[in-house]
Amino acid sequence: MTTAVRQKDPKKVAAGKALAERNRTAREAQAREMAREEMAREEMAAAAERRSLGDWGLSLNTALGIAGLGIGLYGLYLARRSDAVPRYNCARGADDTSVGVSAAAPPGPRGTTDAPSAARSLME
């Protein structure tokens, strides 16, 4: 018994070689793309680290937001504090030290009038 030597189909061999070449180029392109993405990630991480402030790792937007809140709260503190401090009546003169706001009756909201005095003025 002799076995016949099998002949390869040249069209199939050429198709297999073309497929192998296409797969090889696709793998190389994918490797290049992954390398580009890795470099981009490293650059973004380096840029984020450059933007961070101090050892806390705050971004510029976060630091500005915290600073804005601090300034706003300090402004509210000063407004409350200035309401508690007696104000001098500037209309009488700079050397007069009489207090313009009565300690017995704190001022009401702006734009409102004292109801009893308004009623008295209407009766007169």
C-alpha atoms as a PDB file:
ATOM      1  CA  MET A   1       0.000   0.000   0.000  1.00  0.00           C
ATOM      2  CA  THR A   2       1.367   3.208  -1.029  1.00  0.00           C
ATOM      3  CA  THR A   3      -0.088   6.511   0.085  1.00  0.00           C
ATOM      4  CA  ALA A   4      -0.596   9.265  -2.369  1.00  0.00           C
ATOM      5  CA  VAL A   5       1.103  12.569  -1.658  1.00  0.00           C
ATOM      6  CA  ARG A   6      -1.515  15.188  -1.070  1.00  0.00           C
ATOM      7  CA  GLN A   7      -1.232  18.268  -3.234  1.00  0.00           C
ATOM      8  CA  LYS A   8      -2.026  21.633  -1.624  1.00  0.00           C
ATOM      9  CA  ASP A   9      -4.444  23.914  -3.396  1.00  0.00           C
ATOM     10  CA  PRO A  10      -2.426  27.026  -4.387  1.00  0.00           C
ATOM     11  CA  LYS A  11      -5.488  29.288  -4.063  1.00  0.00           C
ATOM     12  CA  LYS A  12      -6.061  28.186  -0.465  1.00  0.00           C
ATOM     13  CA  VAL A  13      -2.381  28.646   0.383  1.00  0.00           C
ATOM     14  CA  ALA A  14      -2.416  32.173  -1.054  1.00  0.00           C
ATOM     15  CA  ALA A  15      -5.639  32.984   0.826  1.00  0.00           C
ATOM     16  CA  GLY A  16      -4.103  31.706   4.104  1.00  0.00           C
ATOM     17  CA  LYS A  17      -0.981  33.826   3.575  1.00  0.00           C
ATOM     18  CA  ALA A  18      -3.067  36.928   2.843  1.00  0.00           C
ATOM     19  CA  LEU A  19      -5.167  36.326   5.962  1.00  0.00           C
ATOM     20  CA  ALA A  20      -2.046  35.867   8.116  1.00  0.00           C
ATOM     21  CA  GLU A  21      -0.565  39.120   6.751  1.00  0.00           C
ATOM     22  CA  ARG A  22      -3.801  41.022   7.423  1.00  0.00           C
ATOM     23  CA  ASN A  23      -3.955  39.675  10.997  1.00  0.00           C
ATOM     24  CA  ARG A  24      -0.307  40.605  11.589  1.00  0.00           C
ATOM     25  CA  THR A  25      -0.832  44.202  10.422  1.00  0.00           C
ATOM     26  CA  ALA A  26      -4.003  44.490  12.544  1.00  0.00           C
ATOM     27  CA  ARG A  27      -2.100  43.295  15.648  1.00  0.00           C
ATOM     28  CA  GLU A  28       0.683  45.821  15.001  1.00  0.00           C
ATOM     29  CA  ALA A  29      -1.846  48.650  14.536  1.00  0.00           C
ATOM     30  CA  GLN A  30      -3.614  47.666  17.754  1.00  0.00           C
ATOM     31  CA  ALA A  31      -0.293  47.608  19.637  1.00  0.00           C
ATOM     32  CA  ARG A  32       0.553  51.099  18.291  1.00  0.00           C
ATOM     33  CA  GLU A  33      -2.877  52.409  19.337  1.00  0.00           C
ATOM     34  CA  MET A  34      -2.529  50.955  22.833  1.00  0.00           C
ATOM     35  CA  ALA A  35       0.922  52.549  23.161  1.00  0.00           C
ATOM     36  CA  ARG A  36      -0.547  55.932  22.111  1.00  0.00           C
ATOM     37  CA  GLU A  37      -3.372  55.612  24.654  1.00  0.00           C
ATOM     38  CA  GLU A  38      -0.899  54.711  27.399  1.00  0.00           C
ATOM     39  CA  MET A  39       1.220  57.773  26.572  1.00  0.00           C
ATOM     40  CA  ALA A  40      -1.888  59.976  26.609  1.00  0.00           C
ATOM     41  CA  ARG A  41      -2.897  58.587  30.031  1.00  0.00           C
ATOM     42  CA  GLU A  42       0.598  59.256  31.392  1.00  0.00           C
ATOM     43  CA  GLU A  43       0.541  62.825  30.036  1.00  0.00           C
ATOM     44  CA  MET A  44      -2.895  63.461  31.558  1.00  0.00           C
ATOM     45  CA  ALA A  45      -1.737  62.107  34.924  1.00  0.00           C
ATOM     46  CA  ALA A  46       1.365  64.312  34.809  1.00  0.00           C
ATOM     47  CA  ALA A  47      -0.731  67.362  33.891  1.00  0.00           C
ATOM     48  CA  ALA A  48      -3.192  66.639  36.715  1.00  0.00           C
ATOM     49  CA  GLU A  49      -0.316  66.337  39.161  1.00  0.00           C
ATOM     50  CA  ARG A  50       1.108  69.661  37.976  1.00  0.00           C
ATOM     51  CA  ARG A  51      -2.306  71.286  38.482  1.00  0.00           C
ATOM     52  CA  SER A  52      -2.744  69.942  42.014  1.00  0.00           C
ATOM     53  CA  LEU A  53      -2.041  72.393  44.797  1.00  0.00           C
ATOM     54  CA  GLY A  54       0.383  71.379  47.508  1.00  0.00           C
ATOM     55  CA  ASP A  55       0.192  68.038  49.240  1.00  0.00           C
ATOM     56  CA  TRP A  56      -3.600  68.098  49.469  1.00  0.00           C
ATOM     57  CA  GLY A  57      -4.079  67.300  45.789  1.00  0.00           C
ATOM     58  CA  LEU A  58      -6.731  69.973  45.206  1.00  0.00           C
ATOM     59  CA  SER A  59      -7.461  71.029  41.669  1.00  0.00           C
ATOM     60  CA  LEU A  60      -7.529  74.715  40.818  1.00  0.00           C
ATOM     61  CA  ASN A  61     -11.338  74.776  40.539  1.00  0.00           C
ATOM     62  CA  THR A  62     -11.747  73.129  43.946  1.00  0.00           C
ATOM     63  CA  ALA A  63      -9.287  75.545  45.564  1.00  0.00           C
ATOM     64  CA  LEU A  64     -11.072  78.551  44.022  1.00  0.00           C
ATOM     65  CA  GLY A  65     -14.428  77.216  45.190  1.00  0.00           C
ATOM     66  CA  ILE A  66     -13.194  76.770  48.750  1.00  0.00           C
ATOM     67  CA  ALA A  67     -11.626  80.240  48.702  1.00  0.00           C
ATOM     68  CA  GLY A  68     -14.909  81.723  47.435  1.00  0.00           C
ATOM     69  CA  LEU A  69     -16.860  80.028  50.207  1.00  0.00           C
ATOM     70  CA  GLY A  70     -14.370  81.288  52.781  1.00  0.00           C
ATOM     71  CA  ILE A  71     -14.608  84.847  51.495  1.00  0.00           C
ATOM     72  CA  GLY A  72     -18.404  84.652  51.461  1.00  0.00           C
ATOM     73  CA  LEU A  73     -18.543  83.367  55.029  1.00  0.00           C
ATOM     74  CA  TYR A  74     -16.082  86.044  56.150  1.00  0.00           C
ATOM     75  CA  GLY A  75     -18.290  88.672  54.487  1.00  0.00           C
ATOM     76  CA  LEU A  76     -21.325  87.349  56.373  1.00  0.00           C
ATOM     77  CA  TYR A  77     -19.325  87.426  59.606  1.00  0.00           C
ATOM     78  CA  LEU A  78     -18.335  91.044  59.006  1.00  0.00           C
ATOM     79  CA  ALA A  79     -21.917  92.009  58.163  1.00  0.00           C
ATOM     80  CA  ARG A  80     -23.208  90.453  61.399  1.00  0.00           C
ATOM     81  CA  ARG A  81     -20.374  91.999  63.364  1.00  0.00           C
ATOM     82  CA  SER A  82     -20.990  95.468  61.931  1.00  0.00           C
ATOM     83  CA  ASP A  83     -24.692  95.221  62.927  1.00  0.00           C
ATOM     84  CA  ALA A  84     -23.687  94.580  66.543  1.00  0.00           C
ATOM     85  CA  VAL A  85     -21.220  97.488  66.720  1.00  0.00           C
ATOM     86  CA  PRO A  86     -22.828 100.872  67.511  1.00  0.00           C
ATOM     87  CA  ARG A  87     -22.704 103.239  64.583  1.00  0.00           C
ATOM     88  CA  TYR A  88     -21.904 106.887  64.939  1.00  0.00           C
ATOM     89  CA  ASN A  89     -24.242 109.437  63.423  1.00  0.00           C
ATOM     90  CA  CYS A  90     -22.204 111.013  60.639  1.00  0.00           C
ATOM     91  CA  ALA A  91     -24.833 113.702  59.967  1.00  0.00           C
ATOM     92  CA  ARG A  92     -24.073 115.515  63.260  1.00  0.00           C
ATOM     93  CA  GLY A  93     -20.369 115.841  62.645  1.00  0.00           C
ATOM     94  CA  ALA A  94     -17.174 113.883  62.929  1.00  0.00           C
ATOM     95  CA  ASP A  95     -16.400 115.000  66.478  1.00  0.00           C
ATOM     96  CA  ASP A  96     -19.814 114.044  67.882  1.00  0.00           C
ATOM     97  CA  THR A  97     -19.669 110.613  69.526  1.00  0.00           C
ATOM     98  CA  SER A  98     -23.359 110.093  70.104  1.00  0.00           C
ATOM     99  CA  VAL A  99     -24.627 106.725  68.976  1.00  0.00           C
ATOM    100  CA  GLY A 100     -26.971 106.848  65.990  1.00  0.00           C
ATOM    101  CA  VAL A 101     -28.658 103.501  66.662  1.00  0.00           C
ATOM    102  CA  SER A 102     -30.643 103.054  69.832  1.00  0.00           C
ATOM    103  CA  ALA A 103     -29.674 100.049  71.932  1.00  0.00           C
ATOM    104  CA  ALA A 104     -33.261  99.620  73.181  1.00  0.00           C
ATOM    105  CA  ALA A 105     -34.878  99.298  69.748  1.00  0.00           C
ATOM    106  CA  PRO A 106     -32.878  97.375  67.160  1.00  0.00           C
ATOM    107  CA  PRO A 107     -33.476  98.475  63.586  1.00  0.00           C
ATOM    108  CA  GLY A 108     -36.068  96.513  61.624  1.00  0.00           C
ATOM    109  CA  PRO A 109     -35.744  95.161  58.103  1.00  0.00           C
ATOM    110  CA  ARG A 110     -35.073  97.740  55.418  1.00  0.00           C
ATOM    111  CA  GLY A 111     -38.108  99.339  53.840  1.00  0.00           C
ATOM    112  CA  THR A 112     -40.341  98.821  56.884  1.00  0.00           C
ATOM    113  CA  THR A 113     -41.655 101.504  59.190  1.00  0.00           C
ATOM    114  CA  ASP A 114     -42.465 101.421  62.851  1.00  0.00           C
ATOM    115  CA  ALA A 115     -46.225 100.695  62.949  1.00  0.00           C
ATOM    116  CA  PRO A 116     -47.098 102.804  66.065  1.00  0.00           C
ATOM    117  CA  SER A 117     -45.243 105.871  64.798  1.00  0.00           C
ATOM    118  CA  ALA A 118     -46.837 105.523  61.348  1.00  0.00           C
ATOM    119  CA  ALA A 119     -50.291 105.287  62.950  1.00  0.00           C
ATOM    120  CA  ARG A 120     -49.541 108.350  65.129  1.00  0.00           C
ATOM    121  CA  SER A 121     -48.520 110.404  62.118  1.00  0.00           C
ATOM    122  CA  LEU A 122     -51.804 109.562  60.396  1.00  0.00           C
ATOM    123  CA  MET A 123     -53.849 110.592  63.467  1.00  0.00           C
ATOM    124  CA  GLU A 124     -52.189 113.986  63.763  1.00  0.00           C
END
